[in-house]
N, C-alpha and C. Protein backbone atom coordinates (compact mmCIF):
# COMPACT_ATOMS: atom_id res chain seq x y z
N UNK A 1 -12.99 -3.76 -13.24
CA UNK A 1 -12.98 -2.60 -12.37
C UNK A 1 -14.41 -2.12 -12.18
N UNK A 2 -14.72 -1.68 -10.97
CA UNK A 2 -16.05 -1.16 -10.66
C UNK A 2 -16.33 0.12 -11.46
N UNK A 3 -17.59 0.31 -11.81
CA UNK A 3 -18.00 1.48 -12.57
C UNK A 3 -17.65 2.78 -11.85
N UNK A 4 -17.98 2.90 -10.57
CA UNK A 4 -17.72 4.15 -9.85
C UNK A 4 -16.23 4.47 -9.78
N UNK A 5 -15.39 3.45 -9.59
CA UNK A 5 -13.94 3.67 -9.55
C UNK A 5 -13.42 4.09 -10.92
N UNK A 6 -13.92 3.46 -11.98
CA UNK A 6 -13.48 3.81 -13.34
C UNK A 6 -13.81 5.27 -13.66
N UNK A 7 -15.02 5.69 -13.31
CA UNK A 7 -15.42 7.08 -13.59
C UNK A 7 -14.52 8.07 -12.85
N UNK A 8 -14.10 7.73 -11.64
CA UNK A 8 -13.21 8.60 -10.88
C UNK A 8 -11.80 8.60 -11.46
N UNK A 9 -11.23 7.42 -11.70
CA UNK A 9 -9.86 7.32 -12.19
C UNK A 9 -9.72 7.97 -13.57
N UNK A 10 -10.73 7.81 -14.42
CA UNK A 10 -10.69 8.40 -15.76
C UNK A 10 -11.05 9.89 -15.75
N UNK A 11 -11.48 10.37 -14.59
CA UNK A 11 -11.85 11.77 -14.38
C UNK A 11 -13.07 12.20 -15.20
N UNK A 12 -13.92 11.25 -15.55
CA UNK A 12 -15.20 11.61 -16.16
C UNK A 12 -16.08 12.26 -15.09
N UNK A 13 -16.04 11.69 -13.88
CA UNK A 13 -16.66 12.29 -12.70
C UNK A 13 -15.55 12.43 -11.67
N UNK A 14 -15.46 13.58 -11.03
CA UNK A 14 -14.30 13.90 -10.20
C UNK A 14 -14.18 13.08 -8.92
N UNK A 15 -15.31 12.79 -8.26
CA UNK A 15 -15.24 12.09 -6.97
C UNK A 15 -16.04 10.80 -7.01
N UNK A 16 -15.51 9.77 -6.37
CA UNK A 16 -16.14 8.45 -6.38
C UNK A 16 -17.52 8.44 -5.72
N UNK A 17 -17.73 9.13 -4.58
CA UNK A 17 -19.08 9.14 -4.00
C UNK A 17 -20.12 9.77 -4.94
N UNK A 18 -19.69 10.76 -5.71
CA UNK A 18 -20.60 11.38 -6.68
C UNK A 18 -20.91 10.39 -7.80
N UNK A 19 -19.91 9.66 -8.26
CA UNK A 19 -20.11 8.65 -9.30
C UNK A 19 -21.06 7.56 -8.80
N UNK A 20 -20.91 7.16 -7.55
CA UNK A 20 -21.78 6.14 -6.95
C UNK A 20 -23.22 6.65 -6.89
N UNK A 21 -23.39 7.88 -6.47
CA UNK A 21 -24.73 8.46 -6.35
C UNK A 21 -25.41 8.57 -7.72
N UNK A 22 -24.68 9.02 -8.73
CA UNK A 22 -25.24 9.15 -10.08
C UNK A 22 -25.68 7.77 -10.61
N UNK A 23 -24.84 6.77 -10.40
CA UNK A 23 -25.18 5.41 -10.86
C UNK A 23 -26.38 4.86 -10.11
N UNK A 24 -26.42 5.04 -8.81
CA UNK A 24 -27.51 4.49 -8.02
C UNK A 24 -28.85 5.20 -8.25
N UNK A 25 -28.81 6.39 -8.85
CA UNK A 25 -30.04 7.10 -9.20
C UNK A 25 -30.56 6.69 -10.59
N UNK A 26 -29.87 5.76 -11.24
CA UNK A 26 -30.33 5.28 -12.54
C UNK A 26 -29.99 6.16 -13.71
N UNK A 27 -28.91 6.92 -13.62
CA UNK A 27 -28.51 7.83 -14.70
C UNK A 27 -27.40 7.28 -15.57
N UNK A 28 -26.96 6.04 -15.31
CA UNK A 28 -25.86 5.46 -16.09
C UNK A 28 -26.28 4.10 -16.65
N UNK A 29 -25.98 3.90 -17.93
CA UNK A 29 -26.20 2.61 -18.58
C UNK A 29 -24.87 2.11 -19.11
N UNK A 30 -24.65 0.80 -19.01
CA UNK A 30 -23.47 0.17 -19.58
C UNK A 30 -23.97 -0.82 -20.62
N UNK A 31 -23.57 -0.61 -21.87
CA UNK A 31 -24.03 -1.44 -23.00
C UNK A 31 -25.55 -1.50 -23.07
N UNK A 32 -26.21 -0.36 -22.78
CA UNK A 32 -27.66 -0.26 -22.90
C UNK A 32 -28.44 -0.79 -21.71
N UNK A 33 -27.76 -1.27 -20.68
CA UNK A 33 -28.42 -1.83 -19.51
C UNK A 33 -28.15 -0.92 -18.31
N UNK A 34 -29.21 -0.60 -17.57
CA UNK A 34 -29.07 0.23 -16.37
C UNK A 34 -28.02 -0.36 -15.45
N UNK A 35 -27.08 0.46 -14.98
CA UNK A 35 -25.94 -0.04 -14.22
C UNK A 35 -25.94 0.49 -12.79
N UNK A 36 -25.43 -0.33 -11.89
CA UNK A 36 -25.20 0.08 -10.51
C UNK A 36 -23.74 0.51 -10.39
N UNK A 37 -23.40 1.14 -9.27
CA UNK A 37 -22.02 1.60 -9.08
C UNK A 37 -21.04 0.43 -9.00
N UNK A 38 -21.53 -0.76 -8.64
CA UNK A 38 -20.66 -1.92 -8.49
C UNK A 38 -20.52 -2.74 -9.78
N UNK A 39 -21.13 -2.29 -10.86
CA UNK A 39 -21.05 -3.01 -12.13
C UNK A 39 -19.60 -3.13 -12.59
N UNK A 40 -19.19 -4.34 -12.99
CA UNK A 40 -17.83 -4.55 -13.49
C UNK A 40 -17.74 -4.12 -14.94
N UNK A 41 -16.74 -3.30 -15.25
CA UNK A 41 -16.51 -2.84 -16.62
C UNK A 41 -15.43 -3.68 -17.27
N UNK A 42 -15.52 -3.77 -18.60
CA UNK A 42 -14.49 -4.43 -19.40
C UNK A 42 -14.12 -3.49 -20.55
N UNK A 43 -12.99 -3.73 -21.16
CA UNK A 43 -12.57 -2.93 -22.31
C UNK A 43 -13.60 -3.07 -23.42
N UNK A 44 -13.89 -1.99 -24.12
CA UNK A 44 -14.87 -1.86 -25.20
C UNK A 44 -16.31 -1.75 -24.71
N UNK A 45 -16.56 -1.68 -23.40
CA UNK A 45 -17.91 -1.41 -22.91
C UNK A 45 -18.28 0.02 -23.27
N UNK A 46 -19.56 0.25 -23.50
CA UNK A 46 -20.04 1.59 -23.81
C UNK A 46 -20.84 2.10 -22.61
N UNK A 47 -20.50 3.29 -22.13
CA UNK A 47 -21.14 3.88 -20.96
C UNK A 47 -21.93 5.11 -21.39
N UNK A 48 -23.22 5.15 -21.03
CA UNK A 48 -24.07 6.31 -21.27
C UNK A 48 -24.34 6.98 -19.93
N UNK A 49 -23.97 8.26 -19.80
CA UNK A 49 -24.15 8.99 -18.55
C UNK A 49 -25.03 10.20 -18.82
N UNK A 50 -26.10 10.34 -18.03
CA UNK A 50 -27.00 11.49 -18.17
C UNK A 50 -26.68 12.51 -17.10
N UNK A 51 -26.14 13.66 -17.54
CA UNK A 51 -25.85 14.80 -16.66
C UNK A 51 -26.89 15.87 -16.94
N UNK A 52 -27.86 16.05 -16.10
CA UNK A 52 -28.84 17.13 -16.28
C UNK A 52 -29.38 17.20 -17.68
N UNK A 53 -28.85 18.14 -18.50
CA UNK A 53 -29.34 18.31 -19.87
C UNK A 53 -28.36 17.80 -20.92
N UNK A 54 -27.47 16.88 -20.53
CA UNK A 54 -26.47 16.36 -21.47
C UNK A 54 -26.37 14.84 -21.34
N UNK A 55 -26.26 14.16 -22.48
CA UNK A 55 -26.05 12.72 -22.49
C UNK A 55 -24.67 12.46 -23.09
N UNK A 56 -23.78 11.89 -22.27
CA UNK A 56 -22.41 11.60 -22.68
C UNK A 56 -22.26 10.10 -22.88
N UNK A 57 -21.77 9.71 -24.06
CA UNK A 57 -21.52 8.30 -24.35
C UNK A 57 -20.03 8.12 -24.60
N UNK A 58 -19.42 7.21 -23.82
CA UNK A 58 -18.00 6.94 -23.96
C UNK A 58 -17.76 5.45 -24.10
N UNK A 59 -16.62 5.10 -24.71
CA UNK A 59 -16.21 3.69 -24.85
C UNK A 59 -14.94 3.49 -24.03
N UNK A 60 -14.91 2.43 -23.25
CA UNK A 60 -13.76 2.12 -22.39
C UNK A 60 -12.62 1.60 -23.27
N UNK A 61 -11.44 2.25 -23.18
CA UNK A 61 -10.27 1.83 -23.95
C UNK A 61 -9.22 1.17 -23.08
N UNK A 62 -9.05 1.66 -21.85
CA UNK A 62 -8.02 1.14 -20.94
C UNK A 62 -8.57 1.06 -19.52
N UNK A 63 -7.95 0.18 -18.72
CA UNK A 63 -8.25 0.08 -17.30
C UNK A 63 -6.95 0.28 -16.53
N UNK A 64 -6.91 1.27 -15.66
CA UNK A 64 -5.74 1.52 -14.82
C UNK A 64 -6.23 1.82 -13.41
N UNK A 65 -5.45 1.42 -12.41
CA UNK A 65 -5.83 1.69 -11.02
C UNK A 65 -5.63 3.14 -10.63
N UNK A 66 -4.68 3.80 -11.27
CA UNK A 66 -4.47 5.23 -11.03
C UNK A 66 -3.83 5.83 -12.28
N UNK A 67 -4.08 7.12 -12.48
CA UNK A 67 -3.52 7.79 -13.64
C UNK A 67 -3.14 9.22 -13.30
N UNK A 68 -2.31 9.79 -14.14
CA UNK A 68 -2.03 11.22 -14.06
C UNK A 68 -3.12 11.93 -14.86
N UNK A 69 -3.30 13.18 -14.58
CA UNK A 69 -4.35 13.95 -15.24
C UNK A 69 -4.24 13.89 -16.77
N UNK A 70 -3.01 13.98 -17.27
CA UNK A 70 -2.79 13.98 -18.72
C UNK A 70 -3.16 12.64 -19.36
N UNK A 71 -2.97 11.55 -18.62
CA UNK A 71 -3.22 10.21 -19.15
C UNK A 71 -4.67 9.76 -19.01
N UNK A 72 -5.45 10.44 -18.21
CA UNK A 72 -6.83 10.02 -17.92
C UNK A 72 -7.68 10.00 -19.19
N UNK A 73 -7.49 10.94 -20.10
CA UNK A 73 -8.31 11.00 -21.30
C UNK A 73 -8.02 9.86 -22.28
N UNK A 74 -6.90 9.18 -22.10
CA UNK A 74 -6.59 8.03 -22.96
C UNK A 74 -7.33 6.77 -22.53
N UNK A 75 -7.97 6.82 -21.38
CA UNK A 75 -8.68 5.64 -20.87
C UNK A 75 -10.04 5.43 -21.56
N UNK A 76 -10.54 6.46 -22.22
CA UNK A 76 -11.84 6.35 -22.87
C UNK A 76 -11.87 7.17 -24.15
N UNK A 77 -12.88 6.87 -24.96
CA UNK A 77 -13.10 7.60 -26.22
C UNK A 77 -14.53 8.12 -26.18
N UNK A 78 -14.70 9.40 -26.46
CA UNK A 78 -16.05 9.97 -26.48
C UNK A 78 -16.72 9.56 -27.79
N UNK A 79 -17.84 8.84 -27.66
CA UNK A 79 -18.59 8.39 -28.82
C UNK A 79 -19.55 9.50 -29.25
N UNK A 80 -20.28 10.07 -28.28
CA UNK A 80 -21.17 11.19 -28.58
C UNK A 80 -21.44 12.01 -27.33
N UNK A 81 -21.81 13.25 -27.55
CA UNK A 81 -22.17 14.17 -26.48
C UNK A 81 -23.36 14.96 -26.98
N UNK A 82 -24.55 14.65 -26.44
CA UNK A 82 -25.78 15.21 -26.97
C UNK A 82 -26.48 16.05 -25.90
N UNK A 83 -26.93 17.22 -26.30
CA UNK A 83 -27.71 18.06 -25.40
C UNK A 83 -29.15 17.59 -25.43
N UNK A 84 -29.74 17.42 -24.25
CA UNK A 84 -31.12 16.94 -24.14
C UNK A 84 -32.02 18.14 -23.85
N UNK A 85 -33.05 18.29 -24.67
CA UNK A 85 -34.01 19.36 -24.46
C UNK A 85 -35.02 18.94 -23.40
N UNK A 86 -35.33 19.83 -22.50
CA UNK A 86 -36.28 19.53 -21.42
C UNK A 86 -37.70 19.57 -21.96
N UNK A 87 -38.55 18.65 -21.46
CA UNK A 87 -39.96 18.63 -21.85
C UNK A 87 -40.77 19.64 -21.06
N UNK A 88 -40.23 20.08 -19.92
CA UNK A 88 -40.95 21.00 -19.06
C UNK A 88 -40.86 22.43 -19.59
N UNK A 89 -41.95 23.15 -19.47
CA UNK A 89 -41.98 24.57 -19.86
C UNK A 89 -41.86 25.42 -18.62
N UNK A 90 -40.94 26.37 -18.63
CA UNK A 90 -40.74 27.22 -17.44
C UNK A 90 -41.68 28.39 -17.46
């Protein structure tokens, strides 16, 4: 399954165009390698997503073409969620 579709179906990112944009800006790594939105995911892949001041790391547990909201969280496991301190001084 494509990375952008997985992020949408699992509800990690709400909309597919947003997931595509985040990936194409170089903010997502799959297994430590910079990923494009078209990257194919497999079960047990580790995804690192940088959201502004937060780094979210998840492991892929399931692949489904569509899910209900309650089932979406079973598709992945949160490995870590780290707040990133900015180097810039305001």
